[in-house]
Amino acid sequence: MIASPDHEPVAKVGRTKDELLETISASRLGTWLSCRLKFYFRYLSGKPKKPSSAMRVGTVVHAVLQQWNLARWRKAPLLDEMVRTVFDQAWANAEEDEPINWGDDEASTKAGAFALLETYLRDTPIPLDERPEGVEVSVELDLARHGLPRLVGIMDLVRKGGCIVDYKTTSRTPDSEKVLHFTEVQTTSYAMLYREATDRQESGIELHHLVRLKTPKLVVTRSGPATQEQQDKLLRMIHSYVRGLEMEDFVPAPGLQCGSCEFFNECKRWH
């Protein structure tokens, strides 16, 4: 696999139905499965997601860890003040089109984000001298033989030996058993993409949760290779996505999560 130092995943909004039927990603499929009306607002209506302090932290943390991994790939690891320099630059580069209403919180949020990175670099299970197999690798899988769109994805990191790593920032300590269930679409997608790119089976998947608490912590959840049952289930889910999108079946799925949805007000006005 190859490292892609200049590739930054960008969420595109306002696509046509035909464009959305050309490819499918784990994040897009996850949104479809959780609420089809939310999918409509996010991907078809062109409504951009409003920036937040949590989004800024996630963006910057991912950017710094990308550079940390690339530096190890080049056999020139980031050390001490180098990490701080990369972090400050990433924070400055992460300006959103629509500014965040920080009030007096930007300095404390930035300090908390750096503390999160310090915690990760101190507690990470990845040795500093372990050279990655791939960093921010963009991969796609042709599913035409199943009558389905191309599966696309970007893997944060592939460790030596084929262990796929995905970074997540969160404000709550994850429950490992529930996390494996909630992220099955993503982990199975990555497994299938890895096999397509390398013609090898992944050794496993690690979810590295960087938890934004007063005292930050790292929680690593591990799973083995994707099973055939999980792959078959993913294909059935994509079939459901294609059928529903073709029919423009954007029914809402009301639930406890609605109050925190960025499209809550639009949904209330939906007829």
Protein backbone atom coordinates (compact mmCIF):
# COMPACT_ATOMS: atom_id res chain seq x y z
CA MET A 1 0.00 0.00 0.00
CA ILE A 2 1.14 3.59 -0.48
CA ALA A 3 1.14 6.59 1.82
CA SER A 4 -0.72 9.67 0.63
CA PRO A 5 0.78 12.67 2.45
CA ASP A 6 -1.19 15.32 0.62
CA HIS A 7 -4.62 13.70 0.63
CA GLU A 8 -7.27 15.31 2.84
CA PRO A 9 -10.77 13.79 2.91
CA VAL A 10 -13.33 16.46 2.06
CA ALA A 11 -17.05 16.01 2.62
CA LYS A 12 -18.93 17.03 -0.52
CA VAL A 13 -22.51 18.25 -0.18
CA GLY A 14 -25.25 19.01 -2.67
CA ARG A 15 -24.73 15.96 -4.89
CA THR A 16 -27.23 14.58 -7.36
CA LYS A 17 -28.91 11.22 -6.92
CA ASP A 18 -26.93 9.82 -9.84
CA GLU A 19 -23.65 10.91 -8.23
CA LEU A 20 -24.63 9.25 -4.95
CA LEU A 21 -25.36 6.00 -6.81
CA GLU A 22 -21.89 5.89 -8.35
CA THR A 23 -20.06 5.29 -5.06
CA ILE A 24 -20.82 4.45 -1.45
CA SER A 25 -18.73 5.04 1.67
CA ALA A 26 -19.09 3.70 5.19
CA SER A 27 -19.93 7.13 6.60
CA ARG A 28 -22.59 7.78 3.95
CA LEU A 29 -24.10 4.34 4.42
CA GLY A 30 -24.09 4.83 8.19
CA THR A 31 -26.03 8.08 7.84
CA TRP A 32 -28.53 6.40 5.51
CA LEU A 33 -29.09 3.55 7.95
CA SER A 34 -29.53 5.88 10.93
CA CYS A 35 -32.00 8.32 9.29
CA ARG A 36 -32.82 8.71 5.62
CA LEU A 37 -34.08 12.27 6.07
CA LYS A 38 -30.81 13.24 7.73
CA PHE A 39 -29.08 11.70 4.70
CA TYR A 40 -31.19 13.87 2.41
CA PHE A 41 -30.31 17.07 4.29
CA ARG A 42 -26.61 16.23 4.54
CA TYR A 43 -25.90 14.93 1.03
CA LEU A 44 -28.66 16.07 -1.35
CA SER A 45 -29.92 19.41 -0.08
CA GLY A 46 -26.46 20.97 0.07
CA LYS A 47 -26.77 22.09 3.69
CA PRO A 48 -23.20 22.23 5.08
CA LYS A 49 -22.54 20.95 8.56
CA LYS A 50 -22.07 23.87 10.94
CA PRO A 51 -18.55 23.94 12.41
CA SER A 52 -18.12 23.34 16.13
CA SER A 53 -15.30 23.24 18.63
CA ALA A 54 -15.54 19.43 18.72
CA MET A 55 -15.17 19.31 14.93
CA ARG A 56 -12.10 21.56 15.11
CA VAL A 57 -10.50 19.30 17.74
CA GLY A 58 -11.22 16.20 15.66
CA THR A 59 -9.86 17.77 12.47
CA VAL A 60 -6.64 18.97 14.10
CA VAL A 61 -6.01 15.75 16.03
CA HIS A 62 -6.41 13.70 12.84
CA ALA A 63 -4.11 16.07 10.94
CA VAL A 64 -1.36 15.84 13.55
CA LEU A 65 -1.60 12.06 13.83
CA GLN A 66 -1.43 11.83 10.04
CA GLN A 67 1.85 13.74 10.12
CA TRP A 68 3.08 11.65 13.06
CA ASN A 69 2.43 8.48 11.08
CA LEU A 70 3.96 9.85 7.88
CA ALA A 71 7.07 10.87 9.80
CA ARG A 72 7.43 7.29 11.09
CA TRP A 73 6.91 6.02 7.53
CA ARG A 74 9.80 8.26 6.42
CA LYS A 75 11.87 6.95 9.37
CA ALA A 76 12.15 10.49 10.76
CA PRO A 77 9.68 10.48 13.70
CA LEU A 78 8.23 13.65 15.19
CA LEU A 79 9.74 14.29 18.60
CA ASP A 80 9.00 16.73 21.44
CA GLU A 81 8.66 20.31 20.15
CA MET A 82 8.18 19.07 16.59
CA VAL A 83 4.74 17.78 17.61
CA ARG A 84 3.83 21.17 19.08
CA THR A 85 4.90 22.94 15.89
CA VAL A 86 2.83 20.61 13.70
CA PHE A 87 -0.14 21.04 16.06
CA ASP A 88 0.00 24.85 16.01
CA GLN A 89 0.19 24.85 12.22
CA ALA A 90 -2.71 22.40 11.92
CA TRP A 91 -4.82 24.55 14.27
CA ALA A 92 -4.11 27.65 12.20
CA ASN A 93 -4.87 25.80 8.95
CA ALA A 94 -8.22 24.47 10.19
CA GLU A 95 -10.12 27.73 9.82
CA GLU A 96 -13.68 26.99 8.75
CA ASP A 97 -15.60 28.84 6.01
CA GLU A 98 -18.15 29.69 8.69
CA PRO A 99 -16.32 30.82 11.84
CA ILE A 100 -16.93 29.13 15.17
CA ASN A 101 -18.46 31.30 17.89
CA TRP A 102 -15.71 30.66 20.42
CA GLY A 103 -16.47 33.31 23.04
CA ASP A 104 -13.63 32.84 25.53
CA ASP A 105 -13.24 29.11 24.83
CA GLU A 106 -10.73 28.88 21.97
CA ALA A 107 -7.60 28.96 24.13
CA SER A 108 -8.93 26.33 26.56
CA THR A 109 -10.23 24.16 23.69
CA LYS A 110 -6.85 24.33 21.95
CA ALA A 111 -5.04 23.44 25.18
CA GLY A 112 -7.39 20.49 25.68
CA ALA A 113 -6.79 19.28 22.12
CA PHE A 114 -3.03 19.33 22.64
CA ALA A 115 -3.40 17.51 25.97
CA LEU A 116 -5.40 14.87 24.09
CA LEU A 117 -2.54 14.42 21.63
CA GLU A 118 0.03 14.26 24.43
CA THR A 119 -2.02 11.52 26.07
CA TYR A 120 -2.21 9.58 22.82
CA LEU A 121 1.51 9.82 22.08
CA ARG A 122 2.30 8.73 25.64
CA ASP A 123 -0.14 5.80 25.76
CA THR A 124 -0.33 4.64 22.15
CA PRO A 125 0.27 0.91 21.59
CA ILE A 126 2.19 1.79 18.41
CA PRO A 127 6.00 1.77 18.84
CA LEU A 128 7.71 4.92 17.61
CA ASP A 129 10.00 2.87 15.36
CA GLU A 130 7.19 0.81 13.78
CA ARG A 131 6.95 1.77 10.11
CA PRO A 132 3.36 2.00 8.81
CA GLU A 133 2.16 -0.03 5.87
CA GLY A 134 -0.04 2.87 4.75
CA VAL A 135 -1.15 6.34 5.89
CA GLU A 136 -4.38 8.08 4.81
CA VAL A 137 -4.78 5.58 2.00
CA SER A 138 -7.66 6.14 -0.42
CA VAL A 139 -8.99 2.81 -1.75
CA GLU A 140 -12.00 1.71 -3.80
CA LEU A 141 -13.64 -1.63 -4.54
CA ASP A 142 -15.67 -2.32 -7.69
CA LEU A 143 -18.95 -3.97 -6.68
CA ALA A 144 -20.41 -4.02 -10.20
CA ARG A 145 -20.63 -7.82 -10.14
CA HIS A 146 -23.17 -7.39 -7.33
CA GLY A 147 -25.00 -4.63 -9.21
CA LEU A 148 -23.79 -2.11 -6.63
CA PRO A 149 -21.85 1.20 -6.58
CA ARG A 150 -18.10 1.32 -5.99
CA LEU A 151 -17.19 1.12 -2.31
CA VAL A 152 -14.74 3.90 -1.41
CA GLY A 153 -12.90 4.78 1.76
CA ILE A 154 -9.84 6.36 3.35
CA MET A 155 -7.99 4.43 6.04
CA ASP A 156 -6.27 6.57 8.69
CA LEU A 157 -3.45 4.08 9.22
CA VAL A 158 -2.46 0.54 8.34
CA ARG A 159 0.06 -0.84 10.79
CA LYS A 160 2.77 -3.34 9.99
CA GLY A 161 1.24 -6.74 9.33
CA GLY A 162 -2.06 -5.40 8.02
CA CYS A 163 -3.73 -4.06 11.18
CA ILE A 164 -6.13 -1.26 10.19
CA VAL A 165 -6.34 1.68 12.62
CA ASP A 166 -9.10 4.28 12.75
CA TYR A 167 -8.84 7.37 14.96
CA LYS A 168 -11.90 8.75 16.75
CA THR A 169 -12.25 11.71 19.10
CA THR A 170 -15.14 11.56 21.53
CA SER A 171 -16.39 13.18 24.71
CA ARG A 172 -17.52 9.88 26.26
CA THR A 173 -15.65 6.75 27.23
CA PRO A 174 -16.75 4.09 24.72
CA ASP A 175 -18.17 0.70 25.63
CA SER A 176 -15.98 -1.72 23.66
CA GLU A 177 -18.75 -4.25 22.99
CA LYS A 178 -21.19 -1.61 21.75
CA VAL A 179 -18.51 0.16 19.72
CA LEU A 180 -17.79 -2.98 17.70
CA HIS A 181 -21.49 -3.25 16.87
CA PHE A 182 -21.97 0.44 16.00
CA THR A 183 -18.86 0.57 13.82
CA GLU A 184 -19.37 -2.73 12.00
CA VAL A 185 -20.29 -1.01 8.72
CA GLN A 186 -17.04 0.96 8.82
CA THR A 187 -14.75 -1.84 9.95
CA THR A 188 -16.17 -4.34 7.46
CA SER A 189 -15.85 -1.76 4.66
CA TYR A 190 -12.21 -1.14 5.54
CA ALA A 191 -11.50 -4.87 5.65
CA MET A 192 -12.94 -5.38 2.17
CA LEU A 193 -11.05 -2.37 0.83
CA TYR A 194 -7.78 -3.58 2.35
CA ARG A 195 -8.19 -6.99 0.74
CA GLU A 196 -8.88 -5.36 -2.61
CA ALA A 197 -5.77 -3.16 -2.36
CA THR A 198 -3.34 -5.81 -1.14
CA ASP A 199 -4.84 -9.18 -2.09
CA ARG A 200 -4.27 -10.12 1.56
CA GLN A 201 -6.53 -10.48 4.57
CA GLU A 202 -6.19 -7.84 7.27
CA SER A 203 -4.78 -9.06 10.58
CA GLY A 204 -7.40 -7.10 12.51
CA ILE A 205 -8.80 -3.65 13.20
CA GLU A 206 -8.05 -1.22 16.04
CA LEU A 207 -10.29 1.71 16.96
CA HIS A 208 -8.24 4.32 18.82
CA HIS A 209 -10.66 6.51 20.79
CA LEU A 210 -9.12 9.73 22.08
CA VAL A 211 -11.51 10.68 24.88
CA ARG A 212 -11.92 14.39 25.62
CA LEU A 213 -12.24 14.42 29.40
CA LYS A 214 -10.80 16.71 32.07
CA THR A 215 -8.07 14.09 32.24
CA PRO A 216 -7.86 12.81 28.63
CA LYS A 217 -7.45 9.12 27.98
CA LEU A 218 -6.98 6.63 25.19
CA VAL A 219 -9.27 3.61 24.73
CA VAL A 220 -8.25 1.01 22.14
CA THR A 221 -10.84 -1.49 20.90
CA ARG A 222 -9.63 -4.43 18.82
CA SER A 223 -11.42 -6.85 16.55
CA GLY A 224 -10.26 -9.67 14.31
CA PRO A 225 -10.60 -9.95 10.53
CA ALA A 226 -14.06 -9.39 9.04
CA THR A 227 -16.09 -12.57 8.63
CA GLN A 228 -17.90 -13.67 5.49
CA GLU A 229 -21.19 -13.10 7.33
CA GLN A 230 -20.24 -9.47 7.99
CA GLN A 231 -19.28 -8.93 4.36
CA ASP A 232 -22.58 -10.44 3.15
CA LYS A 233 -24.48 -8.21 5.58
CA LEU A 234 -22.67 -5.12 4.30
CA LEU A 235 -23.61 -5.97 0.72
CA ARG A 236 -27.28 -6.35 1.75
CA MET A 237 -27.13 -2.93 3.42
CA ILE A 238 -25.72 -1.37 0.25
CA HIS A 239 -28.51 -3.04 -1.75
CA SER A 240 -31.01 -1.38 0.60
CA TYR A 241 -29.26 1.98 0.11
CA VAL A 242 -29.47 1.70 -3.69
CA ARG A 243 -33.17 0.72 -3.69
CA GLY A 244 -34.14 3.45 -1.25
CA LEU A 245 -32.17 6.16 -3.01
CA GLU A 246 -33.61 5.20 -6.40
CA MET A 247 -37.11 5.50 -4.90
CA GLU A 248 -36.19 8.74 -3.10
CA ASP A 249 -37.43 7.15 0.10
CA PHE A 250 -36.28 9.81 2.58
CA VAL A 251 -38.40 8.85 5.58
CA PRO A 252 -37.26 10.23 8.96
CA ALA A 253 -36.31 7.92 11.82
CA PRO A 254 -37.30 9.77 15.01
CA GLY A 255 -35.36 8.76 18.11
CA LEU A 256 -33.48 9.97 21.17
CA GLN A 257 -30.61 11.15 18.97
CA CYS A 258 -32.80 13.70 17.18
CA GLY A 259 -32.23 16.46 19.74
CA SER A 260 -28.52 16.56 18.95
CA CYS A 261 -28.96 16.36 15.15
CA GLU A 262 -27.83 19.45 13.24
CA PHE A 263 -30.97 19.16 11.07
CA PHE A 264 -33.46 18.98 13.94
CA ASN A 265 -35.27 22.23 13.03
CA GLU A 266 -35.45 21.33 9.32
CA CYS A 267 -36.84 17.92 10.22
CA LYS A 268 -39.63 19.45 12.34
CA ARG A 269 -40.72 21.46 9.31
CA TRP A 270 -40.63 18.46 6.96
CA HIS A 271 -43.96 17.48 5.35
